[in-house]
Amino acid sequence: MARAVLFDRIGGPEVLRIEDRPVPEPGPGEVRIRVDAIGLNRAEALFRAGTYYEQPILPGSPIGYEAAGVVETGVEGFPEGTEISTIASFSMRQYGVYGDRVVVPVSSLVRRDEVTGASVWLTHQTAYGALVERGGLRPGDTVLITAASSGVGIAAIQIANHLGAVPIAVTRTGAKRDQLLAAGAAHVVTLDSTDLVKEVRELTGGAGATLTIDPVGGPGVVDLVEATAVGGLLVVYGWMGGAPTPLPMNWDRQVTVFGYGNGSYVTRNPERRRRSEHFINAGLRIGTLRPAVDRVFDDLADIVEAHAHLESNAQVGKVVVRVRH
């Protein structure tokens, strides 16, 4: 038998449940993996709550994009026993990695070593795609990173430094300032005590950020446009705020606003995906990119608590759940 985390209705972390079921068998284009660890992501919390861009098929919806594990049913390129990670190249309406033995598309596999596990690929690939592939980030550019203590935020700080850019981290309060500076932020802007636009303009000599990336959306986008340089780019890759996102009124700034989805832009684009894998693996080898893990939970039995911690916004970096066999 295998264990799987499923949910029958949308709601908070408490809707997640564990079910024992027969070990799944892969079909064409699929592979079964033994999961050793799961990396939690905001997308999964939104999916569980019914606020993601696609809706779960209920009851018994699977969940989860990112896992580290071992191939159990070998296929070309990934023989049995290969250590792998999964990336978000599939729909959670069809597949989910919250379990101990799961079936996923072969196209979702990347090889891993002991460094990467379940805490690197989705966060760093999302940050890479937004900053490099879409944003064209270059040495000396200033990048404004909102929700900077998230897994993607920390990855964006690392990638900006790796490329010689200047990362400005945005966080709600001063509680995480020291941790963000330790993570490599050149500057930290706190929303509870600072005028965002004024502070960013002062930090950039009046110009504003070359590139801004934001997973929150909502009314705050208007200030982000004002904090971005004339002719700059704002990449919105999420809607954590949940409120409608207005169009900015100040067209004089000529800021391009781009809605970014990592699945369509990178993971399902063979050439961008290939570049992302080489970029991330190179950064891991030399140590400029590294896992940023906030907390590790012991087993699938802790999945409700782990989701509650993810949504508490208390973490800096990834939340990981081990899977015991």
Protein backbone atom coordinates (compact mmCIF):
# COMPACT_ATOMS: atom_id res chain seq x y z
CA MET A 1 0.00 0.00 0.00
CA ALA A 2 0.97 3.63 -0.49
CA ARG A 3 0.05 6.78 1.43
CA ALA A 4 -1.30 9.83 -0.34
CA VAL A 5 -2.40 13.26 0.88
CA LEU A 6 -5.74 14.21 -0.66
CA PHE A 7 -8.57 16.65 0.02
CA ASP A 8 -12.32 16.47 -0.58
CA ARG A 9 -13.32 20.12 -0.18
CA ILE A 10 -11.62 23.47 -0.48
CA GLY A 11 -10.56 25.18 2.72
CA GLY A 12 -7.73 25.60 5.20
CA PRO A 13 -4.94 23.18 6.07
CA GLU A 14 -7.38 21.03 8.04
CA VAL A 15 -9.01 19.71 4.84
CA LEU A 16 -5.88 17.70 3.99
CA ARG A 17 -6.11 14.01 4.83
CA ILE A 18 -3.94 10.91 4.40
CA GLU A 19 -5.35 7.89 2.57
CA ASP A 20 -3.88 4.40 2.21
CA ARG A 21 -4.32 3.12 -1.32
CA PRO A 22 -2.78 0.53 -3.68
CA VAL A 23 0.67 1.40 -5.00
CA PRO A 24 -0.02 3.34 -8.23
CA GLU A 25 1.18 1.99 -11.57
CA PRO A 26 2.55 4.41 -14.19
CA GLY A 27 1.11 4.64 -17.67
CA PRO A 28 2.74 5.83 -20.91
CA GLY A 29 4.96 8.84 -20.34
CA GLU A 30 4.80 8.38 -16.56
CA VAL A 31 7.12 7.10 -13.85
CA ARG A 32 6.65 6.05 -10.24
CA ILE A 33 8.91 7.56 -7.62
CA ARG A 34 9.54 6.85 -3.96
CA VAL A 35 9.24 10.24 -2.31
CA ASP A 36 11.79 11.12 0.37
CA ALA A 37 10.86 14.77 0.95
CA ILE A 38 8.27 17.30 -0.20
CA GLY A 39 8.81 21.02 -0.68
CA LEU A 40 5.72 23.10 0.11
CA ASN A 41 4.78 26.03 -2.10
CA ARG A 42 2.24 28.85 -1.98
CA ALA A 43 0.68 27.51 -5.16
CA GLU A 44 -0.41 24.40 -3.27
CA ALA A 45 -1.98 26.41 -0.46
CA LEU A 46 -3.90 28.44 -3.04
CA PHE A 47 -4.96 25.26 -4.87
CA ARG A 48 -6.21 23.71 -1.62
CA ALA A 49 -8.13 26.90 -0.79
CA GLY A 50 -9.76 27.15 -4.21
CA THR A 51 -8.01 30.42 -5.09
CA TYR A 52 -5.45 29.07 -7.58
CA TYR A 53 -5.78 29.76 -11.30
CA GLU A 54 -7.11 26.22 -11.77
CA GLN A 55 -9.60 24.44 -9.54
CA PRO A 56 -9.17 20.99 -7.94
CA ILE A 57 -11.32 18.07 -9.04
CA LEU A 58 -13.17 16.99 -5.91
CA PRO A 59 -13.45 14.76 -3.98
CA GLY A 60 -10.06 13.13 -3.62
CA SER A 61 -7.91 15.81 -5.24
CA PRO A 62 -4.14 15.22 -5.31
CA ILE A 63 -1.83 18.07 -4.40
CA GLY A 64 1.85 18.99 -4.63
CA TYR A 65 4.39 20.04 -7.23
CA GLU A 66 7.83 19.55 -5.70
CA ALA A 67 9.41 16.40 -4.28
CA ALA A 68 12.78 14.73 -3.95
CA GLY A 69 12.89 11.00 -4.36
CA VAL A 70 14.12 7.94 -6.22
CA VAL A 71 12.83 6.41 -9.46
CA GLU A 72 11.12 3.06 -8.85
CA THR A 73 10.01 2.23 -12.40
CA GLY A 74 12.87 3.03 -14.71
CA VAL A 75 12.44 4.76 -18.06
CA GLU A 76 14.83 6.02 -20.70
CA GLY A 77 17.11 8.63 -19.17
CA PHE A 78 16.01 7.81 -15.62
CA PRO A 79 16.84 4.19 -14.72
CA GLU A 80 15.54 2.60 -11.53
CA GLY A 81 17.32 4.05 -8.51
CA THR A 82 18.01 7.48 -10.07
CA GLU A 83 17.79 10.27 -7.50
CA ILE A 84 15.47 12.96 -8.84
CA SER A 85 13.47 16.05 -8.04
CA THR A 86 10.16 17.00 -9.62
CA ILE A 87 9.36 20.37 -11.12
CA ALA A 88 5.99 21.97 -11.79
CA SER A 89 5.47 20.87 -15.39
CA PHE A 90 2.10 19.23 -14.70
CA SER A 91 -1.36 20.14 -13.43
CA MET A 92 -2.37 19.30 -9.87
CA ARG A 93 -5.76 18.43 -11.31
CA GLN A 94 -4.03 15.28 -12.59
CA TYR A 95 -0.94 14.66 -10.45
CA GLY A 96 0.32 15.40 -6.95
CA VAL A 97 3.51 14.53 -5.08
CA TYR A 98 2.17 14.60 -1.52
CA GLY A 99 2.61 10.91 -0.82
CA ASP A 100 5.21 8.22 -0.25
CA ARG A 101 4.99 6.53 -3.68
CA VAL A 102 3.51 8.63 -6.49
CA VAL A 103 3.22 8.65 -10.26
CA VAL A 104 4.32 11.74 -12.19
CA PRO A 105 5.11 12.57 -15.83
CA VAL A 106 8.65 11.73 -16.90
CA SER A 107 8.84 15.31 -18.18
CA SER A 108 8.69 16.59 -14.58
CA LEU A 109 11.95 14.90 -13.50
CA VAL A 110 15.35 16.49 -13.03
CA ARG A 111 18.40 14.77 -11.62
CA ARG A 112 19.46 15.87 -8.17
CA ASP A 113 22.30 15.44 -5.72
CA GLU A 114 22.36 15.66 -1.94
CA VAL A 115 22.27 19.47 -2.11
CA THR A 116 19.10 20.09 -4.09
CA GLY A 117 16.43 17.80 -2.67
CA ALA A 118 12.97 19.30 -2.31
CA SER A 119 14.00 22.84 -1.48
CA VAL A 120 15.57 24.30 -4.62
CA TRP A 121 13.99 23.63 -7.97
CA LEU A 122 10.60 25.30 -7.99
CA THR A 123 11.70 28.37 -6.05
CA HIS A 124 14.94 28.94 -7.94
CA GLN A 125 13.43 28.13 -11.34
CA THR A 126 10.60 30.59 -10.73
CA ALA A 127 13.03 33.29 -9.64
CA TYR A 128 15.39 32.51 -12.54
CA GLY A 129 12.59 32.68 -15.11
CA ALA A 130 11.22 35.97 -13.78
CA LEU A 131 14.60 37.66 -13.31
CA VAL A 132 16.69 36.28 -16.17
CA GLU A 133 14.50 34.89 -18.94
CA ARG A 134 11.75 37.50 -18.65
CA GLY A 135 13.49 40.30 -16.80
CA GLY A 136 16.85 40.22 -18.59
CA LEU A 137 18.61 41.06 -15.33
CA ARG A 138 22.17 42.34 -15.77
CA PRO A 139 25.07 43.27 -13.48
CA GLY A 140 24.43 46.62 -11.82
CA ASP A 141 20.64 46.45 -12.20
CA THR A 142 18.54 47.05 -9.11
CA VAL A 143 15.84 44.47 -8.45
CA LEU A 144 12.97 45.07 -6.02
CA ILE A 145 11.78 41.79 -4.45
CA THR A 146 8.48 41.74 -2.56
CA ALA A 147 7.55 38.93 -0.13
CA ALA A 148 11.30 38.58 0.07
CA SER A 149 11.31 36.04 2.92
CA SER A 150 9.45 33.46 0.81
CA GLY A 151 11.29 30.63 -0.90
CA VAL A 152 11.16 32.42 -4.25
CA GLY A 153 12.17 35.69 -2.58
CA ILE A 154 15.30 34.17 -1.04
CA ALA A 155 16.11 32.50 -4.37
CA ALA A 156 15.71 35.85 -6.14
CA ILE A 157 18.15 37.49 -3.70
CA GLN A 158 20.69 34.76 -4.40
CA ILE A 159 20.28 34.97 -8.18
CA ALA A 160 20.55 38.76 -8.15
CA ASN A 161 23.82 38.54 -6.23
CA HIS A 162 25.05 35.72 -8.48
CA LEU A 163 24.59 38.05 -11.48
CA GLY A 164 26.05 41.14 -9.81
CA ALA A 165 22.70 42.94 -9.47
CA VAL A 166 21.51 44.81 -6.36
CA PRO A 167 18.63 43.10 -4.50
CA ILE A 168 16.26 45.26 -2.44
CA ALA A 169 14.09 43.07 -0.21
CA VAL A 170 10.58 44.15 0.78
CA THR A 171 8.96 42.69 3.90
CA ARG A 172 5.94 43.65 5.98
CA THR A 173 7.70 44.31 9.31
CA GLY A 174 11.20 44.59 10.70
CA ALA A 175 11.05 41.12 12.26
CA LYS A 176 12.91 39.49 9.36
CA ARG A 177 15.29 42.34 8.52
CA ASP A 178 18.42 40.69 9.92
CA GLN A 179 17.61 37.36 8.29
CA LEU A 180 17.11 39.00 4.91
CA LEU A 181 20.37 40.90 5.20
CA ALA A 182 22.10 37.64 6.15
CA ALA A 183 20.51 36.03 3.08
CA GLY A 184 22.21 38.61 0.87
CA ALA A 185 19.78 41.51 0.52
CA ALA A 186 21.65 44.77 -0.14
CA HIS A 187 18.79 46.73 1.45
CA VAL A 188 15.58 45.86 3.30
CA VAL A 189 12.41 47.98 3.06
CA THR A 190 9.72 47.39 5.72
CA LEU A 191 6.17 48.28 4.76
CA ASP A 192 4.92 48.99 8.29
CA SER A 193 7.36 51.83 8.92
CA THR A 194 8.48 53.11 5.51
CA ASP A 195 7.02 54.80 2.46
CA LEU A 196 7.92 52.18 -0.16
CA VAL A 197 8.14 54.52 -3.14
CA LYS A 198 10.14 57.17 -1.28
CA GLU A 199 12.56 54.62 0.21
CA VAL A 200 13.23 52.84 -3.09
CA ARG A 201 13.74 56.13 -4.91
CA GLU A 202 16.26 57.20 -2.24
CA LEU A 203 18.11 53.87 -2.47
CA THR A 204 18.35 54.14 -6.25
CA GLY A 205 19.37 57.77 -6.56
CA GLY A 206 15.88 58.79 -7.59
CA ALA A 207 15.66 56.38 -10.53
CA GLY A 208 13.63 53.50 -9.08
CA ALA A 209 14.26 49.77 -9.47
CA THR A 210 15.27 48.46 -12.87
CA LEU A 211 13.16 45.36 -12.32
CA THR A 212 10.48 44.53 -9.74
CA ILE A 213 9.10 41.05 -9.02
CA ASP A 214 5.94 40.56 -6.98
CA PRO A 215 3.85 37.52 -5.91
CA VAL A 216 1.23 39.54 -4.00
CA GLY A 217 -0.70 41.57 -6.56
CA GLY A 218 -3.66 43.66 -5.40
CA PRO A 219 -3.71 47.44 -4.82
CA GLY A 220 -0.02 47.49 -3.86
CA VAL A 221 0.89 47.10 -7.52
CA VAL A 222 0.25 50.83 -7.99
CA ASP A 223 3.07 51.67 -5.56
CA LEU A 224 5.32 49.07 -7.16
CA VAL A 225 4.93 50.77 -10.53
CA GLU A 226 5.86 54.09 -8.91
CA ALA A 227 8.93 52.44 -7.32
CA THR A 228 10.07 51.00 -10.68
CA ALA A 229 12.30 53.03 -12.99
CA VAL A 230 10.92 54.75 -16.08
CA GLY A 231 10.90 52.14 -18.81
CA GLY A 232 11.41 49.36 -16.23
CA LEU A 233 9.63 46.04 -15.83
CA LEU A 234 7.26 44.76 -13.14
CA VAL A 235 6.79 40.96 -13.16
CA VAL A 236 3.75 39.80 -11.17
CA TYR A 237 3.99 36.06 -10.55
CA GLY A 238 1.25 35.49 -7.96
CA TRP A 239 -1.77 36.90 -6.16
CA MET A 240 -1.14 36.17 -2.50
CA GLY A 241 -3.04 39.31 -1.53
CA GLY A 242 -6.25 37.95 -3.01
CA ALA A 243 -7.60 41.41 -3.92
CA PRO A 244 -8.17 42.67 -7.49
CA THR A 245 -5.08 44.19 -9.10
CA PRO A 246 -5.75 47.63 -10.64
CA LEU A 247 -4.02 49.01 -13.66
CA PRO A 248 -1.63 51.83 -12.71
CA MET A 249 -2.71 55.32 -13.71
CA ASN A 250 0.74 56.86 -14.15
CA TRP A 251 1.54 55.88 -17.72
CA ASP A 252 4.35 58.46 -17.83
CA ARG A 253 6.58 55.90 -16.14
CA GLN A 254 6.22 53.59 -19.15
CA VAL A 255 6.59 50.54 -16.91
CA THR A 256 5.78 47.20 -18.52
CA VAL A 257 3.67 44.95 -16.28
CA PHE A 258 4.04 41.25 -17.10
CA GLY A 259 1.99 38.39 -15.65
CA TYR A 260 4.36 35.46 -15.19
CA GLY A 261 3.59 31.75 -14.88
CA ASN A 262 6.63 29.52 -14.39
CA GLY A 263 4.99 26.44 -15.89
CA SER A 264 4.15 27.97 -19.25
CA TYR A 265 7.16 30.28 -19.45
CA VAL A 266 9.99 27.95 -18.36
CA THR A 267 9.17 24.36 -17.43
CA ARG A 268 7.11 23.61 -20.55
CA ASN A 269 9.49 25.50 -22.85
CA PRO A 270 12.36 23.10 -23.66
CA GLU A 271 15.02 25.73 -24.37
CA ARG A 272 14.26 27.93 -21.34
CA ARG A 273 14.02 24.86 -19.13
CA ARG A 274 17.41 23.63 -20.37
CA ARG A 275 18.99 27.00 -19.62
CA SER A 276 17.37 27.14 -16.18
CA GLU A 277 18.72 23.71 -15.22
CA HIS A 278 22.26 24.62 -16.27
CA PHE A 279 22.06 27.98 -14.49
CA ILE A 280 20.78 26.51 -11.22
CA ASN A 281 23.15 23.54 -11.24
CA ALA A 282 26.12 25.85 -11.86
CA GLY A 283 25.08 28.08 -8.95
CA LEU A 284 24.71 25.05 -6.68
CA ARG A 285 28.16 23.75 -7.64
CA ILE A 286 29.94 26.98 -6.76
CA GLY A 287 27.71 27.80 -3.78
CA THR A 288 26.14 31.07 -4.91
CA LEU A 289 22.77 29.31 -5.04
CA ARG A 290 21.80 27.09 -2.13
CA PRO A 291 18.77 25.60 -0.43
CA ALA A 292 17.08 27.99 1.98
CA VAL A 293 15.08 25.83 4.40
CA ASP A 294 13.10 27.42 7.19
CA ARG A 295 11.72 24.28 8.85
CA VAL A 296 11.62 20.54 8.23
CA PHE A 297 8.63 18.49 9.39
CA ASP A 298 9.13 14.82 10.21
CA ASP A 299 6.53 12.99 8.10
CA LEU A 300 3.35 13.14 6.04
CA ALA A 301 1.42 12.94 9.30
CA ASP A 302 2.55 16.54 9.90
CA ILE A 303 1.18 17.88 6.61
CA VAL A 304 -1.64 19.92 8.20
CA GLU A 305 0.77 21.56 10.65
CA ALA A 306 3.25 22.18 7.84
CA HIS A 307 0.61 23.95 5.71
CA ALA A 308 -0.43 26.03 8.71
CA HIS A 309 3.20 27.08 9.19
CA LEU A 310 3.48 27.94 5.49
CA GLU A 311 0.45 30.22 5.75
CA SER A 312 1.61 31.85 9.00
CA ASN A 313 4.11 33.97 7.03
CA ALA A 314 6.57 33.40 9.88
CA GLN A 315 9.04 31.47 7.76
CA VAL A 316 12.15 32.61 5.90
CA GLY A 317 12.76 30.16 3.07
CA LYS A 318 11.20 26.80 2.28
CA VAL A 319 9.02 24.53 4.35
CA VAL A 320 9.92 20.85 3.82
CA VAL A 321 8.17 17.65 4.87
CA ARG A 322 10.16 14.43 5.17
CA VAL A 323 8.47 11.22 4.08
CA ARG A 324 9.24 8.17 6.17
CA HIS A 325 9.01 4.64 4.75
